[in-house]
Protein backbone atom coordinates (compact mmCIF):
# COMPACT_ATOMS: atom_id res chain seq x y z
CA MET A 1 86.55 51.20 0.84
CA PRO A 2 88.20 48.48 2.88
CA ALA A 3 87.99 44.99 1.46
CA CYS A 4 86.26 43.58 4.53
CA LEU A 5 83.42 46.10 4.22
CA MET A 6 82.98 45.29 0.54
CA LEU A 7 82.85 41.58 1.37
CA ASN A 8 80.23 42.06 4.08
CA LYS A 9 78.08 44.17 1.80
CA LEU A 10 78.22 41.53 -0.96
CA LEU A 11 77.30 38.76 1.47
CA ILE A 12 74.29 40.74 2.77
CA LEU A 13 73.11 41.57 -0.75
CA GLY A 14 73.53 37.94 -1.84
CA ARG A 15 71.57 36.64 1.15
CA ARG A 16 68.79 39.20 0.55
CA ASN A 17 68.58 38.36 -3.15
CA GLN A 18 68.38 34.66 -2.28
CA GLU A 19 65.57 35.20 0.22
CA GLU A 20 63.65 37.45 -2.15
CA GLY A 21 64.07 34.87 -4.91
CA GLU A 22 62.73 32.07 -2.74
CA LYS A 23 59.73 33.92 -1.31
CA PRO A 24 57.63 34.16 -4.51
CA PHE A 25 57.77 30.36 -5.00
CA TRP A 26 56.39 29.50 -1.57
CA ILE A 27 53.75 32.21 -1.66
CA SER A 28 52.53 31.05 -5.10
CA PHE A 29 52.32 27.42 -3.97
CA ALA A 30 50.27 28.36 -0.90
CA ASP A 31 47.96 30.51 -3.02
CA LEU A 32 47.55 27.65 -5.48
CA MET A 33 46.54 25.24 -2.70
CA THR A 34 44.12 27.78 -1.29
CA ALA A 35 42.57 28.32 -4.71
CA LEU A 36 42.24 24.57 -5.25
CA MET A 37 40.60 24.17 -1.86
CA VAL A 38 38.14 26.97 -2.61
CA MET A 39 37.32 25.41 -6.00
CA PHE A 40 36.83 22.01 -4.35
CA LEU A 41 34.46 23.49 -1.78
CA LEU A 42 32.51 25.30 -4.51
CA VAL A 43 32.17 22.12 -6.57
CA MET A 44 31.05 20.14 -3.50
CA ASN A 45 28.50 22.80 -2.58
CA VAL A 46 27.08 22.79 -6.11
CA ALA A 47 26.93 18.97 -6.11
CA LEU A 48 25.24 18.88 -2.69
CA LEU A 49 22.72 21.52 -3.74
CA SER A 50 21.95 19.53 -6.89
CA VAL A 51 21.49 16.28 -4.95
CA THR A 52 19.36 18.00 -2.31
CA GLU A 53 17.21 19.64 -4.97
CA ASP A 54 16.71 16.33 -6.80
CA ALA A 55 15.82 14.57 -3.53
CA SER A 56 13.40 17.35 -2.64
CA LYS A 57 11.72 17.11 -6.05
CA ALA A 58 11.50 13.30 -5.69
CA ASP A 59 9.92 13.65 -2.23
CA GLU A 60 7.42 16.22 -3.53
CA SER A 61 6.56 13.99 -6.48
CA ARG A 62 6.09 10.96 -4.19
CA MET A 63 3.91 12.95 -1.80
CA LYS A 64 1.79 14.10 -4.71
CA LEU A 65 1.37 10.51 -5.89
CA GLN A 66 0.44 9.42 -2.38
CA GLU A 67 -2.19 12.15 -2.17
CA GLU A 68 -3.60 11.18 -5.57
CA ARG A 69 -3.67 7.51 -4.51
CA ALA A 70 -5.46 8.37 -1.25
CA GLN A 71 -8.02 10.51 -3.10
CA LYS A 72 -8.76 7.77 -5.62
CA ILE A 73 -9.12 5.13 -2.92
CA ASP A 74 -11.42 7.46 -0.98
CA GLY A 75 -13.49 7.90 -4.16
CA LEU A 76 -13.86 4.13 -4.43
CA LEU A 77 -14.95 3.88 -0.79
CA VAL A 78 -17.53 6.62 -1.36
CA ASN A 79 -18.97 4.61 -4.26
CA LEU A 80 -19.07 1.52 -2.06
CA GLU A 81 -20.99 3.51 0.54
CA LYS A 82 -23.54 4.34 -2.15
CA ALA A 83 -23.78 0.66 -3.08
CA ALA A 84 -24.20 -0.27 0.59
CA ALA A 85 -27.00 2.29 0.95
CA LYS A 86 -29.08 0.13 -1.38
CA GLN A 87 -28.84 -2.70 1.15
CA PRO A 88 -29.85 -1.33 4.58
CA GLY A 89 -27.73 -2.84 7.33
CA ILE A 90 -24.46 -2.93 5.36
CA VAL A 91 -21.90 -0.38 6.57
CA VAL A 92 -18.65 0.68 4.87
CA ASP A 93 -16.08 1.63 7.50
CA LYS A 94 -13.67 3.90 5.60
CA SER A 95 -11.21 4.20 8.47
CA ARG A 96 -10.78 0.41 8.75
CA MET A 97 -11.27 -0.29 5.03
CA MET A 98 -13.98 -2.77 6.00
CA VAL A 99 -17.48 -3.71 4.81
CA ASP A 100 -19.56 -4.80 7.78
CA PHE A 101 -22.72 -6.71 6.86
CA GLY A 102 -24.18 -6.34 10.35
CA GLU A 103 -27.43 -8.21 10.91
CA ARG A 104 -27.65 -9.02 7.21
CA ALA A 105 -25.00 -11.72 7.63
CA ARG A 106 -25.65 -13.28 11.02
CA PHE A 107 -25.14 -17.04 11.37
CA ASP A 108 -26.95 -19.47 13.59
CA THR A 109 -25.02 -21.20 16.35
CA ASN A 110 -22.58 -23.81 15.04
CA SER A 111 -23.74 -23.14 11.47
CA SER A 112 -22.23 -21.68 8.31
CA ALA A 113 -25.41 -21.73 6.24
CA LEU A 114 -26.72 -18.60 4.52
CA SER A 115 -30.39 -18.05 3.86
CA ARG A 116 -31.72 -17.45 0.36
CA ASP A 117 -32.26 -13.76 1.15
CA GLN A 118 -28.69 -13.45 2.42
CA VAL A 119 -27.36 -15.04 -0.77
CA LEU A 120 -29.40 -12.60 -2.87
CA TYR A 121 -28.24 -9.41 -1.18
CA LEU A 122 -24.63 -10.65 -1.08
CA ASN A 123 -24.72 -11.09 -4.84
CA GLU A 124 -26.39 -7.72 -5.38
CA PHE A 125 -23.91 -5.84 -3.22
CA VAL A 126 -20.83 -7.59 -4.62
CA SER A 127 -22.09 -6.94 -8.16
CA ASP A 128 -22.33 -3.20 -7.40
CA MET A 129 -18.97 -3.37 -5.64
CA LEU A 130 -17.23 -4.92 -8.66
CA ALA A 131 -18.86 -2.34 -10.95
CA SER A 132 -17.34 0.41 -8.78
CA VAL A 133 -13.93 -1.27 -8.93
CA LYS A 134 -14.12 -1.31 -12.74
CA SER A 135 -15.44 2.23 -13.20
CA THR A 136 -13.70 4.14 -10.40
CA PRO A 137 -10.04 5.27 -10.75
CA GLY A 138 -9.38 3.98 -7.24
CA GLY A 139 -10.20 0.46 -8.43
CA LYS A 140 -6.72 0.05 -9.90
CA TRP A 141 -5.28 0.27 -6.38
CA LEU A 142 -7.44 -2.55 -5.01
CA LYS A 143 -5.16 -5.47 -4.18
CA ARG A 144 -7.56 -7.98 -2.65
CA VAL A 145 -10.81 -8.42 -0.76
CA VAL A 146 -10.44 -10.66 2.28
CA VAL A 147 -13.65 -12.39 3.35
CA GLU A 148 -13.29 -12.68 7.11
CA GLY A 149 -15.54 -15.04 9.03
CA TYR A 150 -16.00 -14.92 12.80
CA ALA A 151 -17.41 -17.14 15.53
CA ASP A 152 -18.58 -16.36 19.05
CA GLN A 153 -16.61 -17.13 22.19
CA ARG A 154 -18.27 -20.43 23.04
CA GLY A 155 -16.59 -23.76 22.30
CA ASP A 156 -12.93 -24.60 21.87
CA TYR A 157 -10.58 -22.52 19.75
CA LEU A 158 -9.95 -24.93 16.86
CA LEU A 159 -13.65 -25.71 16.48
CA ASN A 160 -14.48 -22.02 16.17
CA LEU A 161 -11.52 -21.41 13.91
CA ASN A 162 -12.79 -24.04 11.48
CA LEU A 163 -16.33 -22.67 11.75
CA SER A 164 -15.08 -19.15 10.96
CA LEU A 165 -13.30 -20.44 7.89
CA GLN A 166 -16.41 -22.29 6.73
CA ARG A 167 -18.44 -19.10 7.03
CA SER A 168 -15.92 -17.28 4.84
CA GLU A 169 -16.00 -20.08 2.30
CA ARG A 170 -19.80 -20.02 2.31
CA VAL A 171 -19.69 -16.43 1.01
CA LEU A 172 -17.55 -17.51 -1.95
CA CYS A 173 -19.94 -20.39 -2.56
CA ALA A 174 -22.87 -17.97 -2.59
CA LEU A 175 -21.08 -15.78 -5.14
CA LEU A 176 -19.69 -18.45 -7.47
CA SER A 177 -22.26 -21.24 -7.38
CA PRO A 178 -24.75 -21.54 -10.27
CA PRO A 179 -28.18 -20.03 -9.56
CA SER A 180 -30.82 -22.33 -8.14
CA GLY A 181 -33.65 -20.27 -9.60
CA LYS A 182 -34.25 -16.97 -11.38
CA GLU A 183 -32.60 -14.87 -8.68
CA HIS A 184 -29.88 -12.38 -9.57
CA MET A 185 -26.44 -13.98 -9.68
CA LEU A 186 -23.06 -12.74 -10.81
CA THR A 187 -22.09 -12.80 -14.46
CA ASN A 188 -19.13 -14.89 -15.60
CA GLU A 189 -17.02 -11.74 -15.85
CA GLU A 190 -17.92 -10.79 -12.29
CA LYS A 191 -17.14 -14.30 -11.08
CA GLU A 192 -13.71 -14.06 -12.66
CA MET A 193 -13.16 -10.81 -10.78
CA VAL A 194 -14.21 -12.54 -7.55
CA ARG A 195 -11.66 -15.27 -8.24
CA ASP A 196 -8.95 -12.65 -8.86
CA TYR A 197 -9.68 -10.36 -5.92
CA PHE A 198 -11.37 -12.35 -3.15
CA LEU A 199 -9.46 -14.27 -0.51
CA VAL A 200 -10.88 -16.46 2.26
CA GLY A 201 -9.84 -15.75 5.85
CA GLY A 202 -11.11 -17.37 9.04
CA TYR A 203 -10.89 -16.15 12.63
CA SER A 204 -12.11 -17.48 15.94
CA TYR A 205 -11.83 -15.27 19.03
CA ASN A 206 -10.27 -12.37 17.15
CA SER A 207 -12.37 -9.19 17.07
CA ALA A 208 -15.25 -10.66 19.04
CA LYS A 209 -18.28 -8.40 19.44
CA LYS A 210 -20.16 -7.61 22.65
CA SER A 211 -22.89 -10.18 22.06
CA LEU A 212 -22.71 -13.75 20.78
CA GLU A 213 -25.05 -12.95 17.88
CA GLU A 214 -22.92 -10.02 16.70
CA SER A 215 -19.80 -12.18 16.79
CA ARG A 216 -21.24 -14.75 14.37
CA ARG A 217 -20.71 -12.62 11.26
CA ILE A 218 -18.69 -11.96 8.13
CA GLU A 219 -16.85 -8.84 6.99
CA LEU A 220 -15.00 -7.83 3.85
CA ARG A 221 -11.58 -6.28 4.41
CA LEU A 222 -10.18 -4.23 1.53
CA GLU A 223 -6.43 -4.19 0.91
CA PHE A 224 -4.77 -1.76 -1.50
CA PHE A 225 -1.47 -1.67 -3.36
CA GLY A 226 1.27 0.64 -2.19
CA LEU A 227 2.93 3.12 -4.55
CA ASP A 228 5.76 0.72 -5.37
CA GLU A 229 3.58 -2.35 -5.83
CA LYS A 230 2.24 -3.62 -9.13
CA ARG A 231 -0.52 -6.07 -9.88
CA PRO A 232 1.06 -9.43 -10.79
CA SER A 233 0.22 -10.89 -14.15
CA MET A 234 -2.11 -13.89 -14.01
CA SER A 235 -2.30 -14.57 -17.74
CA ASP A 236 -0.17 -17.72 -17.40
CA ILE A 237 -2.20 -19.19 -14.52
CA PRO A 238 -4.65 -21.93 -15.61
CA ARG A 239 -8.27 -21.09 -14.87
CA GLY A 240 -10.40 -24.13 -14.19
CA GLU A 241 -14.13 -24.42 -13.74
CA PHE A 242 -15.79 -22.86 -10.70
CA GLY A 243 -17.39 -26.15 -9.67
CA THR A 244 -19.94 -26.52 -6.89
CA CYS A 245 -19.82 -25.83 -3.19
CA ARG A 246 -19.10 -28.89 -1.02
CA ILE A 247 -19.39 -27.34 2.44
């Protein structure tokens, strides 16, 4: 065989062997990267599924707690409706979380005074109300009771605002003042609950009723804790005497 043919054949075989020797390296590297990418995607999918499942469980648990909270609060409102039934004229508005005293708590023009009968039924209703708060599971969600006083549309704004506030304060006076006779009054434990829960609020033209008489009234607005709220500790707060009403 001529030398040139032998040389060409050796060069071709050498080039082929070199190419075949290089190919496995590049193919293996590409396969390795593909495998790593697949593993990464699998790990990410598993992690995302785990996070999604945990979030879904947390949402379901929170929804369940919200439903339980709503049911317990509704149970408390039902008990308050029963307490209100003992005092005709008092209405518990469950949708507004309000206790409307109606004609049982009307005020005379430019006055914040309550009659003896009004003081009596206020004490009787609030006593039943506090008993429901203590005995009903929904009571633990009660945050505060806002005593809202209202005035009619006559007179200037600041005058009526002050009058509304005085009417709210008069309710607290009726609940916390010492009895003037043998009528039913709140116990010391109930008075402490009033101090913890009740808050005075005064309004003037806000939520005016159709008639002047209906506007001169008081209402109790119930506020409840949210799921993430906790009742603050009041053990370190000094508790003085109740004193007497000076309105």
